[in-house]
Amino acid sequence: MDRCQADLAAQTDGLHPAVLRLISATVQGADRHGKWVGVCGALAGDPLAVPLLVGLGVTELSVDPVSVPGVKARVRNLDYQLCRQRAQDALALESTQAVRAASRETWLLD
């Protein structure tokens, strides 16, 4: 998938379970080598993604300056153990829609 190609861009979503599994594997590999993992861009600022990324062990979220206060406030109010559990649950889901629905349900977002 290439988000720069108009006919494919609409199909890309960082909350697809396969992408989350890749992020999880990256975090686990980085941990083994004493490294951190950061996510930047739209996914790092997505209110539905932030708790899952935190739960997967992502240690840095890089967003545009306007989004920093909101993301920081969101992270401060998260229950880390709940994030870990819900992130693990999301890895087993079948679709982006299922991940987004589960995240909305857990964190009561519209």
PDB file of N, CA and C in Angstrom:
ATOM      1  N   MET A   1       0.851  -1.176   0.000  1.00  0.00           N
ATOM      2  CA  MET A   1       0.000   0.000   0.000  1.00  0.00           C
ATOM      3  C   MET A   1       0.894   1.235   0.000  1.00  0.00           C
ATOM      4  N   ASP A   2       0.475   2.202  -0.743  1.00  0.00           N
ATOM      5  CA  ASP A   2       1.211   3.452  -0.826  1.00  0.00           C
ATOM      6  C   ASP A   2       0.242   4.592  -0.596  1.00  0.00           C
ATOM      7  N   ARG A   3       0.394   5.269   0.525  1.00  0.00           N
ATOM      8  CA  ARG A   3      -0.548   6.342   0.847  1.00  0.00           C
ATOM      9  C   ARG A   3      -0.446   7.526  -0.104  1.00  0.00           C
ATOM     10  N   CYS A   4       0.611   7.572  -0.908  1.00  0.00           N
ATOM     11  CA  CYS A   4       0.770   8.660  -1.871  1.00  0.00           C
ATOM     12  C   CYS A   4       0.033   8.392  -3.182  1.00  0.00           C
ATOM     13  N   GLN A   5      -0.487   7.192  -3.354  1.00  0.00           N
ATOM     14  CA  GLN A   5      -1.269   6.885  -4.547  1.00  0.00           C
ATOM     15  C   GLN A   5      -2.750   7.037  -4.215  1.00  0.00           C
ATOM     16  N   ALA A   6      -3.370   7.951  -4.901  1.00  0.00           N
ATOM     17  CA  ALA A   6      -4.758   8.309  -4.592  1.00  0.00           C
ATOM     18  C   ALA A   6      -5.699   7.119  -4.567  1.00  0.00           C
ATOM     19  N   ASP A   7      -5.528   6.167  -5.466  1.00  0.00           N
ATOM     20  CA  ASP A   7      -6.456   5.040  -5.510  1.00  0.00           C
ATOM     21  C   ASP A   7      -6.232   4.044  -4.374  1.00  0.00           C
ATOM     22  N   LEU A   8      -5.103   4.119  -3.684  1.00  0.00           N
ATOM     23  CA  LEU A   8      -4.824   3.210  -2.560  1.00  0.00           C
ATOM     24  C   LEU A   8      -4.886   3.899  -1.203  1.00  0.00           C
ATOM     25  N   ALA A   9      -4.705   5.209  -1.177  1.00  0.00           N
ATOM     26  CA  ALA A   9      -4.586   5.939   0.084  1.00  0.00           C
ATOM     27  C   ALA A   9      -5.765   5.712   1.029  1.00  0.00           C
ATOM     28  N   ALA A  10      -6.960   5.630   0.485  1.00  0.00           N
ATOM     29  CA  ALA A  10      -8.147   5.458   1.329  1.00  0.00           C
ATOM     30  C   ALA A  10      -8.169   4.102   2.022  1.00  0.00           C
ATOM     31  N   GLN A  11      -7.400   3.149   1.535  1.00  0.00           N
ATOM     32  CA  GLN A  11      -7.387   1.817   2.122  1.00  0.00           C
ATOM     33  C   GLN A  11      -6.358   1.663   3.240  1.00  0.00           C
ATOM     34  N   THR A  12      -5.496   2.649   3.419  1.00  0.00           N
ATOM     35  CA  THR A  12      -4.463   2.538   4.443  1.00  0.00           C
ATOM     36  C   THR A  12      -5.002   2.985   5.791  1.00  0.00           C
ATOM     37  N   ASP A  13      -4.645   2.279   6.824  1.00  0.00           N
ATOM     38  CA  ASP A  13      -5.043   2.656   8.179  1.00  0.00           C
ATOM     39  C   ASP A  13      -4.065   2.011   9.146  1.00  0.00           C
ATOM     40  N   GLY A  14      -3.413   2.835   9.934  1.00  0.00           N
ATOM     41  CA  GLY A  14      -2.433   2.355  10.901  1.00  0.00           C
ATOM     42  C   GLY A  14      -3.017   1.514  12.013  1.00  0.00           C
ATOM     43  N   LEU A  15      -4.332   1.485  12.126  1.00  0.00           N
ATOM     44  CA  LEU A  15      -4.949   0.651  13.160  1.00  0.00           C
ATOM     45  C   LEU A  15      -5.384  -0.710  12.630  1.00  0.00           C
ATOM     46  N   HIS A  16      -4.926  -1.066  11.459  1.00  0.00           N
ATOM     47  CA  HIS A  16      -5.193  -2.424  10.979  1.00  0.00           C
ATOM     48  C   HIS A  16      -4.435  -3.380  11.906  1.00  0.00           C
ATOM     49  N   PRO A  17      -5.043  -4.494  12.302  1.00  0.00           N
ATOM     50  CA  PRO A  17      -4.374  -5.431  13.220  1.00  0.00           C
ATOM     51  C   PRO A  17      -2.993  -5.878  12.740  1.00  0.00           C
ATOM     52  N   ALA A  18      -2.804  -6.008  11.444  1.00  0.00           N
ATOM     53  CA  ALA A  18      -1.490  -6.410  10.930  1.00  0.00           C
ATOM     54  C   ALA A  18      -0.442  -5.334  11.220  1.00  0.00           C
ATOM     55  N   VAL A  19      -0.829  -4.076  11.092  1.00  0.00           N
ATOM     56  CA  VAL A  19       0.091  -2.977  11.398  1.00  0.00           C
ATOM     57  C   VAL A  19       0.400  -2.969  12.896  1.00  0.00           C
ATOM     58  N   LEU A  20      -0.633  -3.164  13.713  1.00  0.00           N
ATOM     59  CA  LEU A  20      -0.418  -3.210  15.159  1.00  0.00           C
ATOM     60  C   LEU A  20       0.501  -4.367  15.539  1.00  0.00           C
ATOM     61  N   ARG A  21       0.358  -5.499  14.860  1.00  0.00           N
ATOM     62  CA  ARG A  21       1.249  -6.639  15.135  1.00  0.00           C
ATOM     63  C   ARG A  21       2.694  -6.307  14.748  1.00  0.00           C
ATOM     64  N   LEU A  22       2.874  -5.577  13.668  1.00  0.00           N
ATOM     65  CA  LEU A  22       4.227  -5.148  13.281  1.00  0.00           C
ATOM     66  C   LEU A  22       4.815  -4.186  14.309  1.00  0.00           C
ATOM     67  N   ILE A  23       3.997  -3.281  14.799  1.00  0.00           N
ATOM     68  CA  ILE A  23       4.461  -2.353  15.836  1.00  0.00           C
ATOM     69  C   ILE A  23       4.831  -3.127  17.091  1.00  0.00           C
ATOM     70  N   SER A  24       3.996  -4.088  17.479  1.00  0.00           N
ATOM     71  CA  SER A  24       4.277  -4.915  18.655  1.00  0.00           C
ATOM     72  C   SER A  24       5.598  -5.666  18.497  1.00  0.00           C
ATOM     73  N   ALA A  25       5.807  -6.275  17.341  1.00  0.00           N
ATOM     74  CA  ALA A  25       7.051  -7.005  17.092  1.00  0.00           C
ATOM     75  C   ALA A  25       8.251  -6.064  17.121  1.00  0.00           C
ATOM     76  N   THR A  26       8.076  -4.859  16.601  1.00  0.00           N
ATOM     77  CA  THR A  26       9.158  -3.869  16.615  1.00  0.00           C
ATOM     78  C   THR A  26       9.511  -3.481  18.039  1.00  0.00           C
ATOM     79  N   VAL A  27       8.495  -3.245  18.867  1.00  0.00           N
ATOM     80  CA  VAL A  27       8.734  -2.886  20.270  1.00  0.00           C
ATOM     81  C   VAL A  27       9.444  -4.025  21.001  1.00  0.00           C
ATOM     82  N   GLN A  28       9.000  -5.239  20.785  1.00  0.00           N
ATOM     83  CA  GLN A  28       9.636  -6.392  21.442  1.00  0.00           C
ATOM     84  C   GLN A  28      11.091  -6.533  21.015  1.00  0.00           C
ATOM     85  N   GLY A  29      11.352  -6.378  19.735  1.00  0.00           N
ATOM     86  CA  GLY A  29      12.721  -6.455  19.240  1.00  0.00           C
ATOM     87  C   GLY A  29      13.582  -5.332  19.789  1.00  0.00           C
ATOM     88  N   ALA A  30      13.034  -4.141  19.824  1.00  0.00           N
ATOM     89  CA  ALA A  30      13.772  -2.996  20.362  1.00  0.00           C
ATOM     90  C   ALA A  30      14.086  -3.203  21.842  1.00  0.00           C
ATOM     91  N   ASP A  31      13.119  -3.720  22.604  1.00  0.00           N
ATOM     92  CA  ASP A  31      13.328  -3.983  24.032  1.00  0.00           C
ATOM     93  C   ASP A  31      14.508  -4.917  24.261  1.00  0.00           C
ATOM     94  N   ARG A  32      14.607  -5.938  23.427  1.00  0.00           N
ATOM     95  CA  ARG A  32      15.711  -6.897  23.568  1.00  0.00           C
ATOM     96  C   ARG A  32      17.081  -6.246  23.388  1.00  0.00           C
ATOM     97  N   HIS A  33      17.099  -5.120  22.698  1.00  0.00           N
ATOM     98  CA  HIS A  33      18.361  -4.440  22.418  1.00  0.00           C
ATOM     99  C   HIS A  33      18.483  -3.101  23.138  1.00  0.00           C
ATOM    100  N   GLY A  34      17.599  -2.876  24.110  1.00  0.00           N
ATOM    101  CA  GLY A  34      17.669  -1.648  24.897  1.00  0.00           C
ATOM    102  C   GLY A  34      17.351  -0.385  24.114  1.00  0.00           C
ATOM    103  N   LYS A  35      16.526  -0.502  23.110  1.00  0.00           N
ATOM    104  CA  LYS A  35      16.158   0.643  22.265  1.00  0.00           C
ATOM    105  C   LYS A  35      14.708   1.021  22.493  1.00  0.00           C
ATOM    106  N   TRP A  36      14.367   2.229  22.127  1.00  0.00           N
ATOM    107  CA  TRP A  36      12.990   2.700  22.230  1.00  0.00           C
ATOM    108  C   TRP A  36      12.363   2.728  20.844  1.00  0.00           C
ATOM    109  N   VAL A  37      11.043   2.826  20.820  1.00  0.00           N
ATOM    110  CA  VAL A  37      10.307   2.900  19.564  1.00  0.00           C
ATOM    111  C   VAL A  37       9.410   4.135  19.602  1.00  0.00           C
ATOM    112  N   GLY A  38       9.462   4.893  18.529  1.00  0.00           N
ATOM    113  CA  GLY A  38       8.610   6.062  18.388  1.00  0.00           C
ATOM    114  C   GLY A  38       7.717   5.918  17.169  1.00  0.00           C
ATOM    115  N   VAL A  39       6.568   6.534  17.234  1.00  0.00           N
ATOM    116  CA  VAL A  39       5.640   6.583  16.103  1.00  0.00           C
ATOM    117  C   VAL A  39       5.391   8.055  15.827  1.00  0.00           C
ATOM    118  N   CYS A  40       5.454   8.420  14.558  1.00  0.00           N
ATOM    119  CA  CYS A  40       5.217   9.818  14.221  1.00  0.00           C
ATOM    120  C   CYS A  40       4.093   9.918  13.192  1.00  0.00           C
ATOM    121  N   GLY A  41       3.579  11.110  13.080  1.00  0.00           N
ATOM    122  CA  GLY A  41       2.565  11.371  12.066  1.00  0.00           C
ATOM    123  C   GLY A  41       1.148  11.236  12.575  1.00  0.00           C
ATOM    124  N   ALA A  42       0.245  11.027  11.627  1.00  0.00           N
ATOM    125  CA  ALA A  42      -1.189  11.008  11.941  1.00  0.00           C
ATOM    126  C   ALA A  42      -1.552   9.920  12.946  1.00  0.00           C
ATOM    127  N   LEU A  43      -0.933   8.759  12.848  1.00  0.00           N
ATOM    128  CA  LEU A  43      -1.264   7.676  13.771  1.00  0.00           C
ATOM    129  C   LEU A  43      -0.932   8.063  15.212  1.00  0.00           C
ATOM    130  N   ALA A  44       0.183   8.738  15.407  1.00  0.00           N
ATOM    131  CA  ALA A  44       0.594   9.139  16.756  1.00  0.00           C
ATOM    132  C   ALA A  44      -0.363  10.144  17.383  1.00  0.00           C
ATOM    133  N   GLY A  45      -1.111  10.852  16.556  1.00  0.00           N
ATOM    134  CA  GLY A  45      -2.063  11.834  17.072  1.00  0.00           C
ATOM    135  C   GLY A  45      -3.511  11.379  17.027  1.00  0.00           C
ATOM    136  N   ASP A  46      -3.747  10.167  16.571  1.00  0.00           N
ATOM    137  CA  ASP A  46      -5.108   9.633  16.479  1.00  0.00           C
ATOM    138  C   ASP A  46      -5.587   9.258  17.877  1.00  0.00           C
ATOM    139  N   PRO A  47      -6.654   9.888  18.387  1.00  0.00           N
ATOM    140  CA  PRO A  47      -7.120   9.612  19.752  1.00  0.00           C
ATOM    141  C   PRO A  47      -7.468   8.145  20.003  1.00  0.00           C
ATOM    142  N   LEU A  48      -7.867   7.422  18.964  1.00  0.00           N
ATOM    143  CA  LEU A  48      -8.158   5.999  19.128  1.00  0.00           C
ATOM    144  C   LEU A  48      -6.885   5.168  19.140  1.00  0.00           C
ATOM    145  N   ALA A  49      -5.845   5.662  18.486  1.00  0.00           N
ATOM    146  CA  ALA A  49      -4.588   4.923  18.401  1.00  0.00           C
ATOM    147  C   ALA A  49      -3.697   5.137  19.614  1.00  0.00           C
ATOM    148  N   VAL A  50      -3.720   6.317  20.189  1.00  0.00           N
ATOM    149  CA  VAL A  50      -2.791   6.650  21.278  1.00  0.00           C
ATOM    150  C   VAL A  50      -2.808   5.613  22.399  1.00  0.00           C
ATOM    151  N   PRO A  51      -3.973   5.232  22.937  1.00  0.00           N
ATOM    152  CA  PRO A  51      -3.957   4.242  24.021  1.00  0.00           C
ATOM    153  C   PRO A  51      -3.389   2.894  23.575  1.00  0.00           C
ATOM    154  N   LEU A  52      -3.663   2.518  22.336  1.00  0.00           N
ATOM    155  CA  LEU A  52      -3.151   1.237  21.840  1.00  0.00           C
ATOM    156  C   LEU A  52      -1.641   1.291  21.655  1.00  0.00           C
ATOM    157  N   LEU A  53      -1.140   2.398  21.134  1.00  0.00           N
ATOM    158  CA  LEU A  53       0.306   2.539  20.961  1.00  0.00           C
ATOM    159  C   LEU A  53       1.015   2.519  22.311  1.00  0.00           C
ATOM    160  N   VAL A  54       0.455   3.224  23.282  1.00  0.00           N
ATOM    161  CA  VAL A  54       1.016   3.200  24.640  1.00  0.00           C
ATOM    162  C   VAL A  54       0.990   1.775  25.180  1.00  0.00           C
ATOM    163  N   GLY A  55      -0.126   1.089  24.980  1.00  0.00           N
ATOM    164  CA  GLY A  55      -0.259  -0.280  25.456  1.00  0.00           C
ATOM    165  C   GLY A  55       0.684  -1.254  24.785  1.00  0.00           C
ATOM    166  N   LEU A  56       1.076  -0.966  23.554  1.00  0.00           N
ATOM    167  CA  LEU A  56       2.027  -1.827  22.849  1.00  0.00           C
ATOM    168  C   LEU A  56       3.463  -1.555  23.282  1.00  0.00           C
ATOM    169  N   GLY A  57       3.663  -0.462  24.020  1.00  0.00           N
ATOM    170  CA  GLY A  57       5.006  -0.150  24.511  1.00  0.00           C
ATOM    171  C   GLY A  57       5.742   0.906  23.719  1.00  0.00           C
ATOM    172  N   VAL A  58       5.046   1.591  22.817  1.00  0.00           N
ATOM    173  CA  VAL A  58       5.662   2.697  22.088  1.00  0.00           C
ATOM    174  C   VAL A  58       6.031   3.767  23.111  1.00  0.00           C
ATOM    175  N   THR A  59       7.258   4.255  23.051  1.00  0.00           N
ATOM    176  CA  THR A  59       7.739   5.180  24.074  1.00  0.00           C
ATOM    177  C   THR A  59       7.762   6.631  23.634  1.00  0.00           C
ATOM    178  N   GLU A  60       7.541   6.885  22.357  1.00  0.00           N
ATOM    179  CA  GLU A  60       7.526   8.270  21.890  1.00  0.00           C
ATOM    180  C   GLU A  60       6.464   8.433  20.817  1.00  0.00           C
ATOM    181  N   LEU A  61       5.674   9.487  20.966  1.00  0.00           N
ATOM    182  CA  LEU A  61       4.676   9.852  19.964  1.00  0.00           C
ATOM    183  C   LEU A  61       5.066  11.226  19.439  1.00  0.00           C
ATOM    184  N   SER A  62       5.293  11.326  18.158  1.00  0.00           N
ATOM    185  CA  SER A  62       5.712  12.578  17.551  1.00  0.00           C
ATOM    186  C   SER A  62       4.575  13.099  16.674  1.00  0.00           C
ATOM    187  N   VAL A  63       4.069  14.254  17.047  1.00  0.00           N
ATOM    188  CA  VAL A  63       2.937  14.846  16.336  1.00  0.00           C
ATOM    189  C   VAL A  63       3.246  16.298  15.993  1.00  0.00           C
ATOM    190  N   ASP A  64       2.383  16.895  15.185  1.00  0.00           N
ATOM    191  CA  ASP A  64       2.575  18.305  14.847  1.00  0.00           C
ATOM    192  C   ASP A  64       2.396  19.139  16.120  1.00  0.00           C
ATOM    193  N   PRO A  65       3.035  20.297  16.180  1.00  0.00           N
ATOM    194  CA  PRO A  65       3.017  21.111  17.401  1.00  0.00           C
ATOM    195  C   PRO A  65       1.631  21.425  17.944  1.00  0.00           C
ATOM    196  N   VAL A  66       0.665  21.621  17.074  1.00  0.00           N
ATOM    197  CA  VAL A  66      -0.698  21.945  17.516  1.00  0.00           C
ATOM    198  C   VAL A  66      -1.319  20.783  18.294  1.00  0.00           C
ATOM    199  N   SER A  67      -0.925  19.552  17.975  1.00  0.00           N
ATOM    200  CA  SER A  67      -1.506  18.367  18.611  1.00  0.00           C
ATOM    201  C   SER A  67      -0.830  17.974  19.921  1.00  0.00           C
ATOM    202  N   VAL A  68       0.340  18.512  20.201  1.00  0.00           N
ATOM    203  CA  VAL A  68       1.100  18.094  21.384  1.00  0.00           C
ATOM    204  C   VAL A  68       0.301  18.218  22.682  1.00  0.00           C
ATOM    205  N   PRO A  69      -0.310  19.356  22.989  1.00  0.00           N
ATOM    206  CA  PRO A  69      -1.033  19.450  24.270  1.00  0.00           C
ATOM    207  C   PRO A  69      -2.139  18.401  24.420  1.00  0.00           C
ATOM    208  N   GLY A  70      -2.906  18.176  23.366  1.00  0.00           N
ATOM    209  CA  GLY A  70      -3.992  17.193  23.430  1.00  0.00           C
ATOM    210  C   GLY A  70      -3.487  15.781  23.622  1.00  0.00           C
ATOM    211  N   VAL A  71      -2.415  15.423  22.920  1.00  0.00           N
ATOM    212  CA  VAL A  71      -1.858  14.070  23.043  1.00  0.00           C
ATOM    213  C   VAL A  71      -1.261  13.892  24.439  1.00  0.00           C
ATOM    214  N   LYS A  72      -0.553  14.908  24.931  1.00  0.00           N
ATOM    215  CA  LYS A  72       0.018  14.810  26.280  1.00  0.00           C
ATOM    216  C   LYS A  72      -1.084  14.628  27.329  1.00  0.00           C
ATOM    217  N   ALA A  73      -2.145  15.394  27.206  1.00  0.00           N
ATOM    218  CA  ALA A  73      -3.256  15.275  28.153  1.00  0.00           C
ATOM    219  C   ALA A  73      -3.883  13.894  28.062  1.00  0.00           C
ATOM    220  N   ARG A  74      -4.021  13.395  26.857  1.00  0.00           N
ATOM    221  CA  ARG A  74      -4.605  12.053  26.663  1.00  0.00           C
ATOM    222  C   ARG A  74      -3.759  10.993  27.337  1.00  0.00           C
ATOM    223  N   VAL A  75      -2.453  11.044  27.114  1.00  0.00           N
ATOM    224  CA  VAL A  75      -1.549  10.046  27.693  1.00  0.00           C
ATOM    225  C   VAL A  75      -1.567  10.114  29.219  1.00  0.00           C
ATOM    226  N   ARG A  76      -1.573  11.320  29.768  1.00  0.00           N
ATOM    227  CA  ARG A  76      -1.579  11.481  31.227  1.00  0.00           C
ATOM    228  C   ARG A  76      -2.798  10.839  31.887  1.00  0.00           C
ATOM    229  N   ASN A  77      -3.901  10.775  31.169  1.00  0.00           N
ATOM    230  CA  ASN A  77      -5.149  10.263  31.743  1.00  0.00           C
ATOM    231  C   ASN A  77      -5.405   8.792  31.447  1.00  0.00           C
ATOM    232  N   LEU A  78      -4.451   8.116  30.849  1.00  0.00           N
ATOM    233  CA  LEU A  78      -4.643   6.705  30.507  1.00  0.00           C
ATOM    234  C   LEU A  78      -4.254   5.786  31.660  1.00  0.00           C
ATOM    235  N   ASP A  79      -4.952   4.674  31.758  1.00  0.00           N
ATOM    236  CA  ASP A  79      -4.607   3.595  32.678  1.00  0.00           C
ATOM    237  C   ASP A  79      -3.707   2.641  31.893  1.00  0.00           C
ATOM    238  N   TYR A  80      -2.430   2.581  32.243  1.00  0.00           N
ATOM    239  CA  TYR A  80      -1.454   1.819  31.473  1.00  0.00           C
ATOM    240  C   TYR A  80      -1.820   0.339  31.381  1.00  0.00           C
ATOM    241  N   GLN A  81      -2.266  -0.265  32.459  1.00  0.00           N
ATOM    242  CA  GLN A  81      -2.621  -1.686  32.426  1.00  0.00           C
ATOM    243  C   GLN A  81      -3.809  -1.940  31.497  1.00  0.00           C
ATOM    244  N   LEU A  82      -4.782  -1.038  31.506  1.00  0.00           N
ATOM    245  CA  LEU A  82      -5.911  -1.168  30.588  1.00  0.00           C
ATOM    246  C   LEU A  82      -5.429  -1.025  29.137  1.00  0.00           C
ATOM    247  N   CYS A  83      -4.530  -0.090  28.905  1.00  0.00           N
ATOM    248  CA  CYS A  83      -3.966   0.087  27.554  1.00  0.00           C
ATOM    249  C   CYS A  83      -3.259  -1.182  27.103  1.00  0.00           C
ATOM    250  N   ARG A  84      -2.476  -1.784  27.984  1.00  0.00           N
ATOM    251  CA  ARG A  84      -1.761  -3.018  27.636  1.00  0.00           C
ATOM    252  C   ARG A  84      -2.743  -4.131  27.276  1.00  0.00           C
ATOM    253  N   GLN A  85      -3.779  -4.287  28.084  1.00  0.00           N
ATOM    254  CA  GLN A  85      -4.753  -5.349  27.831  1.00  0.00           C
ATOM    255  C   GLN A  85      -5.504  -5.127  26.522  1.00  0.00           C
ATOM    256  N   ARG A  86      -5.968  -3.899  26.324  1.00  0.00           N
ATOM    257  CA  ARG A  86      -6.732  -3.608  25.110  1.00  0.00           C
ATOM    258  C   ARG A  86      -5.850  -3.692  23.858  1.00  0.00           C
ATOM    259  N   ALA A  87      -4.591  -3.339  23.985  1.00  0.00           N
ATOM    260  CA  ALA A  87      -3.673  -3.462  22.850  1.00  0.00           C
ATOM    261  C   ALA A  87      -3.482  -4.930  22.489  1.00  0.00           C
ATOM    262  N   GLN A  88      -3.324  -5.776  23.492  1.00  0.00           N
ATOM    263  CA  GLN A  88      -3.191  -7.213  23.220  1.00  0.00           C
ATOM    264  C   GLN A  88      -4.467  -7.763  22.595  1.00  0.00           C
ATOM    265  N   ASP A  89      -5.610  -7.311  23.078  1.00  0.00           N
ATOM    266  CA  ASP A  89      -6.885  -7.732  22.494  1.00  0.00           C
ATOM    267  C   ASP A  89      -6.971  -7.310  21.024  1.00  0.00           C
ATOM    268  N   ALA A  90      -6.513  -6.100  20.726  1.00  0.00           N
ATOM    269  CA  ALA A  90      -6.596  -5.568  19.361  1.00  0.00           C
ATOM    270  C   ALA A  90      -5.758  -6.387  18.385  1.00  0.00           C
ATOM    271  N   LEU A  91      -4.663  -6.964  18.868  1.00  0.00           N
ATOM    272  CA  LEU A  91      -3.802  -7.755  17.994  1.00  0.00           C
ATOM    273  C   LEU A  91      -4.524  -8.973  17.425  1.00  0.00           C
ATOM    274  N   ALA A  92      -5.535  -9.438  18.128  1.00  0.00           N
ATOM    275  CA  ALA A  92      -6.266 -10.638  17.701  1.00  0.00           C
ATOM    276  C   ALA A  92      -7.491 -10.323  16.844  1.00  0.00           C
ATOM    277  N   LEU A  93      -7.801  -9.056  16.661  1.00  0.00           N
ATOM    278  CA  LEU A  93      -8.984  -8.696  15.881  1.00  0.00           C
ATOM    279  C   LEU A  93      -8.719  -8.874  14.393  1.00  0.00           C
ATOM    280  N   GLU A  94      -9.783  -8.875  13.622  1.00  0.00           N
ATOM    281  CA  GLU A  94      -9.709  -9.193  12.198  1.00  0.00           C
ATOM    282  C   GLU A  94      -9.626  -7.981  11.268  1.00  0.00           C
ATOM    283  N   SER A  95     -10.038  -6.811  11.750  1.00  0.00           N
ATOM    284  CA  SER A  95     -10.122  -5.678  10.830  1.00  0.00           C
ATOM    285  C   SER A  95      -9.853  -4.358  11.538  1.00  0.00           C
ATOM    286  N   THR A  96      -9.574  -3.360  10.717  1.00  0.00           N
ATOM    287  CA  THR A  96      -9.404  -2.000  11.221  1.00  0.00           C
ATOM    288  C   THR A  96     -10.684  -1.532  11.904  1.00  0.00           C
ATOM    289  N   GLN A  97     -11.815  -1.847  11.286  1.00  0.00           N
ATOM    290  CA  GLN A  97     -13.099  -1.414  11.849  1.00  0.00           C
ATOM    291  C   GLN A  97     -13.306  -2.012  13.238  1.00  0.00           C
ATOM    292  N   ALA A  98     -12.933  -3.260  13.419  1.00  0.00           N
ATOM    293  CA  ALA A  98     -13.078  -3.904  14.727  1.00  0.00           C
ATOM    294  C   ALA A  98     -12.172  -3.246  15.759  1.00  0.00           C
ATOM    295  N   VAL A  99     -10.953  -2.911  15.357  1.00  0.00           N
ATOM    296  CA  VAL A  99     -10.021  -2.243  16.278  1.00  0.00           C
ATOM    297  C   VAL A  99     -10.567  -0.879  16.666  1.00  0.00           C
ATOM    298  N   ARG A 100     -11.016  -0.123  15.686  1.00  0.00           N
ATOM    299  CA  ARG A 100     -11.545   1.211  15.984  1.00  0.00           C
ATOM    300  C   ARG A 100     -12.796   1.131  16.861  1.00  0.00           C
ATOM    301  N   ALA A 101     -13.661   0.172  16.600  1.00  0.00           N
ATOM    302  CA  ALA A 101     -14.877   0.020  17.409  1.00  0.00           C
ATOM    303  C   ALA A 101     -14.518  -0.351  18.844  1.00  0.00           C
ATOM    304  N   ALA A 102     -13.593  -1.272  19.033  1.00  0.00           N
ATOM    305  CA  ALA A 102     -13.183  -1.686  20.379  1.00  0.00           C
ATOM    306  C   ALA A 102     -12.531  -0.526  21.119  1.00  0.00           C
ATOM    307  N   SER A 103     -11.716   0.242  20.420  1.00  0.00           N
ATOM    308  CA  SER A 103     -11.057   1.387  21.048  1.00  0.00           C
ATOM    309  C   SER A 103     -12.088   2.444  21.437  1.00  0.00           C
ATOM    310  N   ARG A 104     -13.039   2.708  20.541  1.00  0.00           N
ATOM    311  CA  ARG A 104     -14.107   3.668  20.853  1.00  0.00           C
ATOM    312  C   ARG A 104     -14.900   3.225  22.075  1.00  0.00           C
ATOM    313  N   GLU A 105     -15.208   1.940  22.127  1.00  0.00           N
ATOM    314  CA  GLU A 105     -15.994   1.408  23.247  1.00  0.00           C
ATOM    315  C   GLU A 105     -15.234   1.540  24.564  1.00  0.00           C
ATOM    316  N   THR A 106     -13.955   1.228  24.547  1.00  0.00           N
ATOM    317  CA  THR A 106     -13.151   1.284  25.772  1.00  0.00           C
ATOM    318  C   THR A 106     -12.942   2.704  26.248  1.00  0.00           C
ATOM    319  N   TRP A 107     -12.624   3.595  25.321  1.00  0.00           N
ATOM    320  CA  TRP A 107     -12.287   4.950  25.717  1.00  0.00           C
ATOM    321  C   TRP A 107     -13.379   5.963  25.414  1.00  0.00           C
ATOM    322  N   LEU A 108     -14.573   5.485  25.115  1.00  0.00           N
ATOM    323  CA  LEU A 108     -15.769   6.329  24.963  1.00  0.00           C
ATOM    324  C   LEU A 108     -15.554   7.534  24.068  1.00  0.00           C
ATOM    325  N   LEU A 109     -15.016   7.292  22.895  1.00  0.00           N
ATOM    326  CA  LEU A 109     -14.817   8.373  21.945  1.00  0.00           C
ATOM    327  C   LEU A 109     -15.861   8.275  20.841  1.00  0.00           C
ATOM    328  N   ASP A 110     -16.251   9.417  20.303  1.00  0.00           N
ATOM    329  CA  ASP A 110     -17.203   9.432  19.183  1.00  0.00           C
ATOM    330  C   ASP A 110     -16.482   9.183  17.887  1.00  0.00           C
TER     331      ASP A 110
END
